[in-house]
Amino acid sequence: MPNHAPLVAELSAGKMEIESPSKDRRDVYFLTGGFLEISNNQATIIADEIFPLDEINIENEQLELEKLRKRIRA
């Protein structure tokens, strides 16, 4: 992103991929929302919550979601 115009943007929940400067590695995360700022040839992400995608256990998260739905209905 060399010489990118300054920018601030809101990020919604979803998958985020970050490529290393040498382009030899790509890390994948899930974030719940936040902001992206680009200035002085640098990108900064301020996230509400961020989790490495490979550490998320979908089955456990679905169970937690069902527990919360039951609490809401009660």
PDB file of N, CA and C in Angstrom:
ATOM      1  N   MET A   1       0.810  -1.185   0.000  1.00  0.00           N
ATOM      2  CA  MET A   1       0.000   0.000   0.000  1.00  0.00           C
ATOM      3  C   MET A   1       0.861   1.260   0.000  1.00  0.00           C
ATOM      4  N   PRO A   2       1.982   1.233  -0.680  1.00  0.00           N
ATOM      5  CA  PRO A   2       2.839   2.424  -0.680  1.00  0.00           C
ATOM      6  C   PRO A   2       2.096   3.657  -1.183  1.00  0.00           C
ATOM      7  N   ASN A   3       2.290   4.752  -0.481  1.00  0.00           N
ATOM      8  CA  ASN A   3       1.752   6.061  -0.853  1.00  0.00           C
ATOM      9  C   ASN A   3       0.226   6.080  -0.997  1.00  0.00           C
ATOM     10  N   HIS A   4      -0.448   5.244  -0.233  1.00  0.00           N
ATOM     11  CA  HIS A   4      -1.924   5.219  -0.227  1.00  0.00           C
ATOM     12  C   HIS A   4      -2.419   6.503   0.438  1.00  0.00           C
ATOM     13  N   ALA A   5      -3.504   7.030  -0.054  1.00  0.00           N
ATOM     14  CA  ALA A   5      -4.100   8.223   0.552  1.00  0.00           C
ATOM     15  C   ALA A   5      -4.556   7.893   1.973  1.00  0.00           C
ATOM     16  N   PRO A   6      -4.448   8.843   2.907  1.00  0.00           N
ATOM     17  CA  PRO A   6      -4.930   8.602   4.278  1.00  0.00           C
ATOM     18  C   PRO A   6      -6.403   8.200   4.255  1.00  0.00           C
ATOM     19  N   LEU A   7      -6.742   7.262   5.156  1.00  0.00           N
ATOM     20  CA  LEU A   7      -8.088   6.709   5.157  1.00  0.00           C
ATOM     21  C   LEU A   7      -8.421   6.185   6.544  1.00  0.00           C
ATOM     22  N   VAL A   8      -9.660   6.390   6.968  1.00  0.00           N
ATOM     23  CA  VAL A   8     -10.202   5.750   8.170  1.00  0.00           C
ATOM     24  C   VAL A   8     -11.509   5.101   7.746  1.00  0.00           C
ATOM     25  N   ALA A   9     -11.665   3.804   8.092  1.00  0.00           N
ATOM     26  CA  ALA A   9     -12.868   3.082   7.700  1.00  0.00           C
ATOM     27  C   ALA A   9     -13.336   2.186   8.843  1.00  0.00           C
ATOM     28  N   GLU A  10     -14.655   2.020   8.948  1.00  0.00           N
ATOM     29  CA  GLU A  10     -15.220   1.112   9.931  1.00  0.00           C
ATOM     30  C   GLU A  10     -15.175  -0.300   9.363  1.00  0.00           C
ATOM     31  N   LEU A  11     -14.806  -1.265  10.213  1.00  0.00           N
ATOM     32  CA  LEU A  11     -14.764  -2.670   9.817  1.00  0.00           C
ATOM     33  C   LEU A  11     -15.942  -3.403  10.445  1.00  0.00           C
ATOM     34  N   SER A  12     -16.617  -4.210   9.661  1.00  0.00           N
ATOM     35  CA  SER A  12     -17.719  -5.018  10.195  1.00  0.00           C
ATOM     36  C   SER A  12     -17.179  -6.402  10.563  1.00  0.00           C
ATOM     37  N   ALA A  13     -17.990  -7.190  11.217  1.00  0.00           N
ATOM     38  CA  ALA A  13     -17.579  -8.529  11.629  1.00  0.00           C
ATOM     39  C   ALA A  13     -17.291  -9.379  10.405  1.00  0.00           C
ATOM     40  N   GLY A  14     -16.233 -10.183  10.497  1.00  0.00           N
ATOM     41  CA  GLY A  14     -15.916 -11.073   9.395  1.00  0.00           C
ATOM     42  C   GLY A  14     -14.473 -11.518   9.404  1.00  0.00           C
ATOM     43  N   LYS A  15     -14.097 -12.183   8.334  1.00  0.00           N
ATOM     44  CA  LYS A  15     -12.750 -12.719   8.166  1.00  0.00           C
ATOM     45  C   LYS A  15     -11.799 -11.623   7.699  1.00  0.00           C
ATOM     46  N   MET A  16     -10.589 -11.627   8.245  1.00  0.00           N
ATOM     47  CA  MET A  16      -9.578 -10.663   7.854  1.00  0.00           C
ATOM     48  C   MET A  16      -8.277 -11.416   7.598  1.00  0.00           C
ATOM     49  N   GLU A  17      -7.641 -11.148   6.471  1.00  0.00           N
ATOM     50  CA  GLU A  17      -6.363 -11.760   6.139  1.00  0.00           C
ATOM     51  C   GLU A  17      -5.289 -10.690   6.148  1.00  0.00           C
ATOM     52  N   ILE A  18      -4.171 -11.005   6.804  1.00  0.00           N
ATOM     53  CA  ILE A  18      -3.051 -10.066   6.875  1.00  0.00           C
ATOM     54  C   ILE A  18      -1.835 -10.731   6.262  1.00  0.00           C
ATOM     55  N   GLU A  19      -1.296 -10.094   5.244  1.00  0.00           N
ATOM     56  CA  GLU A  19      -0.117 -10.620   4.565  1.00  0.00           C
ATOM     57  C   GLU A  19       1.130  -9.971   5.141  1.00  0.00           C
ATOM     58  N   SER A  20       2.165 -10.778   5.381  1.00  0.00           N
ATOM     59  CA  SER A  20       3.412 -10.237   5.921  1.00  0.00           C
ATOM     60  C   SER A  20       4.056  -9.313   4.885  1.00  0.00           C
ATOM     61  N   PRO A  21       4.872  -8.360   5.346  1.00  0.00           N
ATOM     62  CA  PRO A  21       5.520  -7.445   4.409  1.00  0.00           C
ATOM     63  C   PRO A  21       6.328  -8.166   3.324  1.00  0.00           C
ATOM     64  N   SER A  22       6.920  -9.311   3.672  1.00  0.00           N
ATOM     65  CA  SER A  22       7.710 -10.055   2.685  1.00  0.00           C
ATOM     66  C   SER A  22       6.845 -10.966   1.820  1.00  0.00           C
ATOM     67  N   LYS A  23       5.539 -10.980   2.106  1.00  0.00           N
ATOM     68  CA  LYS A  23       4.548 -11.767   1.365  1.00  0.00           C
ATOM     69  C   LYS A  23       4.787 -13.279   1.448  1.00  0.00           C
ATOM     70  N   ASP A  24       5.502 -13.719   2.477  1.00  0.00           N
ATOM     71  CA  ASP A  24       5.761 -15.152   2.630  1.00  0.00           C
ATOM     72  C   ASP A  24       4.786 -15.821   3.601  1.00  0.00           C
ATOM     73  N   ARG A  25       3.932 -15.028   4.223  1.00  0.00           N
ATOM     74  CA  ARG A  25       2.992 -15.577   5.202  1.00  0.00           C
ATOM     75  C   ARG A  25       1.689 -14.777   5.159  1.00  0.00           C
ATOM     76  N   ARG A  26       0.589 -15.480   5.362  1.00  0.00           N
ATOM     77  CA  ARG A  26      -0.728 -14.839   5.417  1.00  0.00           C
ATOM     78  C   ARG A  26      -1.434 -15.374   6.656  1.00  0.00           C
ATOM     79  N   ASP A  27      -1.758 -14.483   7.594  1.00  0.00           N
ATOM     80  CA  ASP A  27      -2.478 -14.860   8.814  1.00  0.00           C
ATOM     81  C   ASP A  27      -3.952 -14.528   8.625  1.00  0.00           C
ATOM     82  N   VAL A  28      -4.820 -15.418   9.118  1.00  0.00           N
ATOM     83  CA  VAL A  28      -6.258 -15.252   8.939  1.00  0.00           C
ATOM     84  C   VAL A  28      -6.921 -15.149  10.307  1.00  0.00           C
ATOM     85  N   TYR A  29      -7.793 -14.152  10.462  1.00  0.00           N
ATOM     86  CA  TYR A  29      -8.457 -13.875  11.728  1.00  0.00           C
ATOM     87  C   TYR A  29      -9.959 -13.693  11.506  1.00  0.00           C
ATOM     88  N   PHE A  30     -10.706 -13.785  12.602  1.00  0.00           N
ATOM     89  CA  PHE A  30     -12.099 -13.358  12.630  1.00  0.00           C
ATOM     90  C   PHE A  30     -12.164 -12.166  13.572  1.00  0.00           C
ATOM     91  N   LEU A  31     -12.737 -11.065  13.118  1.00  0.00           N
ATOM     92  CA  LEU A  31     -12.888  -9.920  14.007  1.00  0.00           C
ATOM     93  C   LEU A  31     -14.351  -9.543  14.119  1.00  0.00           C
ATOM     94  N   THR A  32     -14.692  -8.989  15.284  1.00  0.00           N
ATOM     95  CA  THR A  32     -16.097  -8.661  15.556  1.00  0.00           C
ATOM     96  C   THR A  32     -16.456  -7.240  15.131  1.00  0.00           C
ATOM     97  N   GLY A  33     -15.500  -6.501  14.654  1.00  0.00           N
ATOM     98  CA  GLY A  33     -15.725  -5.128  14.213  1.00  0.00           C
ATOM     99  C   GLY A  33     -14.571  -4.262  14.666  1.00  0.00           C
ATOM    100  N   GLY A  34     -14.511  -3.052  14.160  1.00  0.00           N
ATOM    101  CA  GLY A  34     -13.445  -2.149  14.554  1.00  0.00           C
ATOM    102  C   GLY A  34     -13.219  -1.083  13.504  1.00  0.00           C
ATOM    103  N   PHE A  35     -11.971  -0.610  13.425  1.00  0.00           N
ATOM    104  CA  PHE A  35     -11.617   0.461  12.502  1.00  0.00           C
ATOM    105  C   PHE A  35     -10.276   0.182  11.848  1.00  0.00           C
ATOM    106  N   LEU A  36     -10.124   0.675  10.634  1.00  0.00           N
ATOM    107  CA  LEU A  36      -8.881   0.615   9.883  1.00  0.00           C
ATOM    108  C   LEU A  36      -8.425   2.038   9.629  1.00  0.00           C
ATOM    109  N   GLU A  37      -7.165   2.298   9.906  1.00  0.00           N
ATOM    110  CA  GLU A  37      -6.578   3.608   9.582  1.00  0.00           C
ATOM    111  C   GLU A  37      -5.365   3.371   8.704  1.00  0.00           C
ATOM    112  N   ILE A  38      -5.294   4.106   7.618  1.00  0.00           N
ATOM    113  CA  ILE A  38      -4.128   4.060   6.736  1.00  0.00           C
ATOM    114  C   ILE A  38      -3.538   5.456   6.703  1.00  0.00           C
ATOM    115  N   SER A  39      -2.260   5.552   7.070  1.00  0.00           N
ATOM    116  CA  SER A  39      -1.547   6.827   6.984  1.00  0.00           C
ATOM    117  C   SER A  39      -0.049   6.549   7.043  1.00  0.00           C
ATOM    118  N   ASN A  40       0.721   7.392   6.408  1.00  0.00           N
ATOM    119  CA  ASN A  40       2.189   7.286   6.406  1.00  0.00           C
ATOM    120  C   ASN A  40       2.659   5.882   6.024  1.00  0.00           C
ATOM    121  N   ASN A  41       2.056   5.313   4.983  1.00  0.00           N
ATOM    122  CA  ASN A  41       2.430   3.988   4.478  1.00  0.00           C
ATOM    123  C   ASN A  41       2.291   2.880   5.508  1.00  0.00           C
ATOM    124  N   GLN A  42       1.354   3.040   6.416  1.00  0.00           N
ATOM    125  CA  GLN A  42       1.123   2.030   7.455  1.00  0.00           C
ATOM    126  C   GLN A  42      -0.377   1.859   7.666  1.00  0.00           C
ATOM    127  N   ALA A  43      -0.797   0.597   7.832  1.00  0.00           N
ATOM    128  CA  ALA A  43      -2.194   0.291   8.140  1.00  0.00           C
ATOM    129  C   ALA A  43      -2.281  -0.120   9.602  1.00  0.00           C
ATOM    130  N   THR A  44      -3.238   0.464  10.325  1.00  0.00           N
ATOM    131  CA  THR A  44      -3.476   0.133  11.729  1.00  0.00           C
ATOM    132  C   THR A  44      -4.915  -0.337  11.871  1.00  0.00           C
ATOM    133  N   ILE A  45      -5.095  -1.482  12.550  1.00  0.00           N
ATOM    134  CA  ILE A  45      -6.432  -2.013  12.794  1.00  0.00           C
ATOM    135  C   ILE A  45      -6.708  -1.957  14.289  1.00  0.00           C
ATOM    136  N   ILE A  46      -7.815  -1.342  14.642  1.00  0.00           N
ATOM    137  CA  ILE A  46      -8.278  -1.314  16.029  1.00  0.00           C
ATOM    138  C   ILE A  46      -9.553  -2.140  16.048  1.00  0.00           C
ATOM    139  N   ALA A  47      -9.468  -3.329  16.670  1.00  0.00           N
ATOM    140  CA  ALA A  47     -10.585  -4.272  16.630  1.00  0.00           C
ATOM    141  C   ALA A  47     -11.265  -4.368  17.983  1.00  0.00           C
ATOM    142  N   ASP A  48     -12.599  -4.554  17.951  1.00  0.00           N
ATOM    143  CA  ASP A  48     -13.344  -4.811  19.186  1.00  0.00           C
ATOM    144  C   ASP A  48     -12.833  -6.116  19.796  1.00  0.00           C
ATOM    145  N   GLU A  49     -12.846  -7.177  19.004  1.00  0.00           N
ATOM    146  CA  GLU A  49     -12.292  -8.472  19.383  1.00  0.00           C
ATOM    147  C   GLU A  49     -11.740  -9.117  18.125  1.00  0.00           C
ATOM    148  N   ILE A  50     -10.641  -9.862  18.274  1.00  0.00           N
ATOM    149  CA  ILE A  50     -10.042 -10.531  17.122  1.00  0.00           C
ATOM    150  C   ILE A  50      -9.526 -11.891  17.567  1.00  0.00           C
ATOM    151  N   PHE A  51      -9.771 -12.902  16.739  1.00  0.00           N
ATOM    152  CA  PHE A  51      -9.397 -14.274  17.076  1.00  0.00           C
ATOM    153  C   PHE A  51      -8.719 -14.921  15.874  1.00  0.00           C
ATOM    154  N   PRO A  52      -7.589 -15.620  16.078  1.00  0.00           N
ATOM    155  CA  PRO A  52      -7.012 -16.382  14.967  1.00  0.00           C
ATOM    156  C   PRO A  52      -8.035 -17.417  14.487  1.00  0.00           C
ATOM    157  N   LEU A  53      -8.274 -17.459  13.200  1.00  0.00           N
ATOM    158  CA  LEU A  53      -9.319 -18.327  12.652  1.00  0.00           C
ATOM    159  C   LEU A  53      -9.068 -19.798  12.967  1.00  0.00           C
ATOM    160  N   ASP A  54      -7.811 -20.210  12.983  1.00  0.00           N
ATOM    161  CA  ASP A  54      -7.524 -21.622  13.241  1.00  0.00           C
ATOM    162  C   ASP A  54      -7.703 -22.019  14.704  1.00  0.00           C
ATOM    163  N   GLU A  55      -7.964 -21.054  15.582  1.00  0.00           N
ATOM    164  CA  GLU A  55      -8.199 -21.356  16.999  1.00  0.00           C
ATOM    165  C   GLU A  55      -9.686 -21.363  17.369  1.00  0.00           C
ATOM    166  N   ILE A  56     -10.553 -21.079  16.408  1.00  0.00           N
ATOM    167  CA  ILE A  56     -11.988 -21.049  16.676  1.00  0.00           C
ATOM    168  C   ILE A  56     -12.552 -22.454  16.488  1.00  0.00           C
ATOM    169  N   ASN A  57     -13.235 -22.933  17.527  1.00  0.00           N
ATOM    170  CA  ASN A  57     -13.873 -24.243  17.469  1.00  0.00           C
ATOM    171  C   ASN A  57     -15.353 -24.009  17.157  1.00  0.00           C
ATOM    172  N   ILE A  58     -15.741 -24.287  15.938  1.00  0.00           N
ATOM    173  CA  ILE A  58     -17.098 -23.999  15.473  1.00  0.00           C
ATOM    174  C   ILE A  58     -18.144 -24.722  16.316  1.00  0.00           C
ATOM    175  N   GLU A  59     -17.900 -25.972  16.664  1.00  0.00           N
ATOM    176  CA  GLU A  59     -18.878 -26.730  17.456  1.00  0.00           C
ATOM    177  C   GLU A  59     -19.102 -26.082  18.816  1.00  0.00           C
ATOM    178  N   ASN A  60     -18.029 -25.679  19.489  1.00  0.00           N
ATOM    179  CA  ASN A  60     -18.172 -25.014  20.790  1.00  0.00           C
ATOM    180  C   ASN A  60     -18.908 -23.689  20.660  1.00  0.00           C
ATOM    181  N   GLU A  61     -18.615 -22.942  19.620  1.00  0.00           N
ATOM    182  CA  GLU A  61     -19.270 -21.645  19.418  1.00  0.00           C
ATOM    183  C   GLU A  61     -20.758 -21.826  19.136  1.00  0.00           C
ATOM    184  N   GLN A  62     -21.113 -22.867  18.380  1.00  0.00           N
ATOM    185  CA  GLN A  62     -22.525 -23.129  18.107  1.00  0.00           C
ATOM    186  C   GLN A  62     -23.266 -23.527  19.382  1.00  0.00           C
ATOM    187  N   LEU A  63     -22.620 -24.311  20.250  1.00  0.00           N
ATOM    188  CA  LEU A  63     -23.235 -24.662  21.531  1.00  0.00           C
ATOM    189  C   LEU A  63     -23.464 -23.426  22.396  1.00  0.00           C
ATOM    190  N   GLU A  64     -22.478 -22.549  22.453  1.00  0.00           N
ATOM    191  CA  GLU A  64     -22.617 -21.305  23.219  1.00  0.00           C
ATOM    192  C   GLU A  64     -23.735 -20.437  22.658  1.00  0.00           C
ATOM    193  N   LEU A  65     -23.828 -20.376  21.342  1.00  0.00           N
ATOM    194  CA  LEU A  65     -24.885 -19.596  20.707  1.00  0.00           C
ATOM    195  C   LEU A  65     -26.259 -20.146  21.073  1.00  0.00           C
ATOM    196  N   GLU A  66     -26.396 -21.450  21.069  1.00  0.00           N
ATOM    197  CA  GLU A  66     -27.687 -22.060  21.431  1.00  0.00           C
ATOM    198  C   GLU A  66     -28.025 -21.783  22.898  1.00  0.00           C
ATOM    199  N   LYS A  67     -27.041 -21.821  23.785  1.00  0.00           N
ATOM    200  CA  LYS A  67     -27.277 -21.501  25.200  1.00  0.00           C
ATOM    201  C   LYS A  67     -27.789 -20.062  25.342  1.00  0.00           C
ATOM    202  N   LEU A  68     -27.167 -19.146  24.601  1.00  0.00           N
ATOM    203  CA  LEU A  68     -27.594 -17.749  24.669  1.00  0.00           C
ATOM    204  C   LEU A  68     -29.004 -17.567  24.116  1.00  0.00           C
ATOM    205  N   ARG A  69     -29.326 -18.267  23.048  1.00  0.00           N
ATOM    206  CA  ARG A  69     -30.676 -18.173  22.490  1.00  0.00           C
ATOM    207  C   ARG A  69     -31.718 -18.674  23.484  1.00  0.00           C
ATOM    208  N   LYS A  70     -31.390 -19.742  24.208  1.00  0.00           N
ATOM    209  CA  LYS A  70     -32.315 -20.277  25.218  1.00  0.00           C
ATOM    210  C   LYS A  70     -32.512 -19.281  26.344  1.00  0.00           C
ATOM    211  N   ARG A  71     -31.435 -18.603  26.761  1.00  0.00           N
ATOM    212  CA  ARG A  71     -31.551 -17.587  27.807  1.00  0.00           C
ATOM    213  C   ARG A  71     -32.439 -16.435  27.365  1.00  0.00           C
ATOM    214  N   ILE A  72     -32.334 -16.052  26.108  1.00  0.00           N
ATOM    215  CA  ILE A  72     -33.147 -14.955  25.598  1.00  0.00           C
ATOM    216  C   ILE A  72     -34.624 -15.330  25.599  1.00  0.00           C
ATOM    217  N   ARG A  73     -34.921 -16.568  25.233  1.00  0.00           N
ATOM    218  CA  ARG A  73     -36.311 -17.047  25.173  1.00  0.00           C
ATOM    219  C   ARG A  73     -36.913 -17.255  26.551  1.00  0.00           C
ATOM    220  N   ALA A  74     -36.091 -17.441  27.558  1.00  0.00           N
ATOM    221  CA  ALA A  74     -36.597 -17.749  28.914  1.00  0.00           C
ATOM    222  C   ALA A  74     -37.222 -16.537  29.574  1.00  0.00           C
TER     223      ALA A  74
END
